[in-house]
Amino acid sequence: MCLAVPTKVLSVDGNLATVDVQGVRARVRLDALGEEVRIGDYLLVHAGFAIRRLDPKDAQETLALFDELFAWEDAPPSGSPSP
């Protein structure tokens, strides 16, 4: 299974962008995107390549779902005593 993660563009240098995903910075290639990218844009990134530009509202909703999923994953199992 593949997972593409929404990222926010921090800087653009030719066909490379520095992006932020949940506080982690990464460099991604823009070659496969085929459209102009600006600082503040949200991109869907997979395997180091930007594959789609996202509407900011859609990106925020997706990131909120990731946060919810990770919070659920860290929660103790139902019926377990609290530490």
Protein backbone atom coordinates (compact mmCIF):
# COMPACT_ATOMS: atom_id res chain seq x y z
CA MET A 1 0.00 0.00 0.00
CA CYS A 2 1.24 3.49 -0.82
CA LEU A 3 0.59 6.59 1.21
CA ALA A 4 0.92 10.14 -0.10
CA VAL A 5 1.17 12.79 2.61
CA PRO A 6 0.07 16.44 2.37
CA THR A 7 2.99 18.83 2.88
CA LYS A 8 3.30 22.62 3.00
CA VAL A 9 5.86 24.30 0.73
CA LEU A 10 8.44 26.37 2.64
CA SER A 11 10.73 27.25 -0.27
CA VAL A 12 11.19 26.53 -3.97
CA ASP A 13 14.52 26.26 -5.79
CA GLY A 14 14.06 25.24 -9.42
CA ASN A 15 12.65 21.72 -9.50
CA LEU A 16 13.16 21.19 -5.76
CA ALA A 17 11.00 22.33 -2.89
CA THR A 18 11.55 22.25 0.84
CA VAL A 19 8.34 21.14 2.52
CA ASP A 20 7.05 20.67 6.05
CA VAL A 21 5.07 17.64 7.12
CA GLN A 22 4.02 17.67 10.77
CA GLY A 23 7.15 19.58 11.80
CA VAL A 24 9.60 17.57 9.70
CA ARG A 25 11.31 19.24 6.75
CA ALA A 26 12.08 17.37 3.55
CA ARG A 27 13.25 18.13 0.02
CA VAL A 28 10.95 16.95 -2.76
CA ARG A 29 11.20 16.89 -6.53
CA LEU A 30 8.70 18.92 -8.55
CA ASP A 31 9.44 17.34 -11.95
CA ALA A 32 6.36 15.10 -12.03
CA LEU A 33 3.92 17.84 -11.03
CA GLY A 34 3.81 19.88 -14.23
CA GLU A 35 2.49 23.06 -12.63
CA GLU A 36 3.95 26.07 -10.84
CA VAL A 37 4.51 25.72 -7.11
CA ARG A 38 4.66 28.64 -4.67
CA ILE A 39 5.58 29.04 -1.03
CA GLY A 40 2.54 28.21 1.09
CA ASP A 41 1.08 25.72 -1.41
CA TYR A 42 0.14 22.27 -0.18
CA LEU A 43 1.41 19.30 -2.13
CA LEU A 44 0.69 15.61 -2.05
CA VAL A 45 4.09 13.91 -1.88
CA HIS A 46 4.94 10.27 -2.47
CA ALA A 47 8.44 8.77 -2.48
CA GLY A 48 10.10 12.18 -2.65
CA PHE A 49 8.05 13.49 -5.60
CA ALA A 50 5.22 16.02 -5.54
CA ILE A 51 2.33 14.35 -7.37
CA ARG A 52 -0.49 16.86 -6.88
CA ARG A 53 -1.21 20.32 -5.54
CA LEU A 54 -3.97 20.38 -2.93
CA ASP A 55 -6.59 22.89 -1.94
CA PRO A 56 -5.46 24.24 1.47
CA LYS A 57 -8.77 23.28 3.12
CA ASP A 58 -8.50 19.70 1.81
CA ALA A 59 -4.90 19.47 3.00
CA GLN A 60 -5.83 20.67 6.51
CA GLU A 61 -8.72 18.19 6.70
CA THR A 62 -6.43 15.33 5.67
CA LEU A 63 -3.75 16.35 8.19
CA ALA A 64 -6.44 16.54 10.91
CA LEU A 65 -7.48 12.97 10.04
CA PHE A 66 -3.85 11.84 10.36
CA ASP A 67 -3.67 13.52 13.80
CA GLU A 68 -6.88 11.76 14.84
CA LEU A 69 -5.57 8.41 13.62
CA PHE A 70 -2.28 8.79 15.48
CA ALA A 71 -4.09 9.85 18.67
CA TRP A 72 -6.30 6.77 18.42
CA GLU A 73 -3.25 4.57 17.83
CA ASP A 74 -1.57 5.90 21.00
CA ALA A 75 -4.69 5.48 23.17
CA PRO A 76 -4.78 2.58 25.63
CA PRO A 77 -7.00 -0.36 24.62
CA SER A 78 -10.63 -0.11 25.69
CA GLY A 79 -11.14 -1.55 29.17
CA SER A 80 -7.46 -1.26 30.12
CA PRO A 81 -6.67 0.33 33.46
CA SER A 82 -5.13 3.79 33.27
CA PRO A 83 -1.49 4.10 34.40
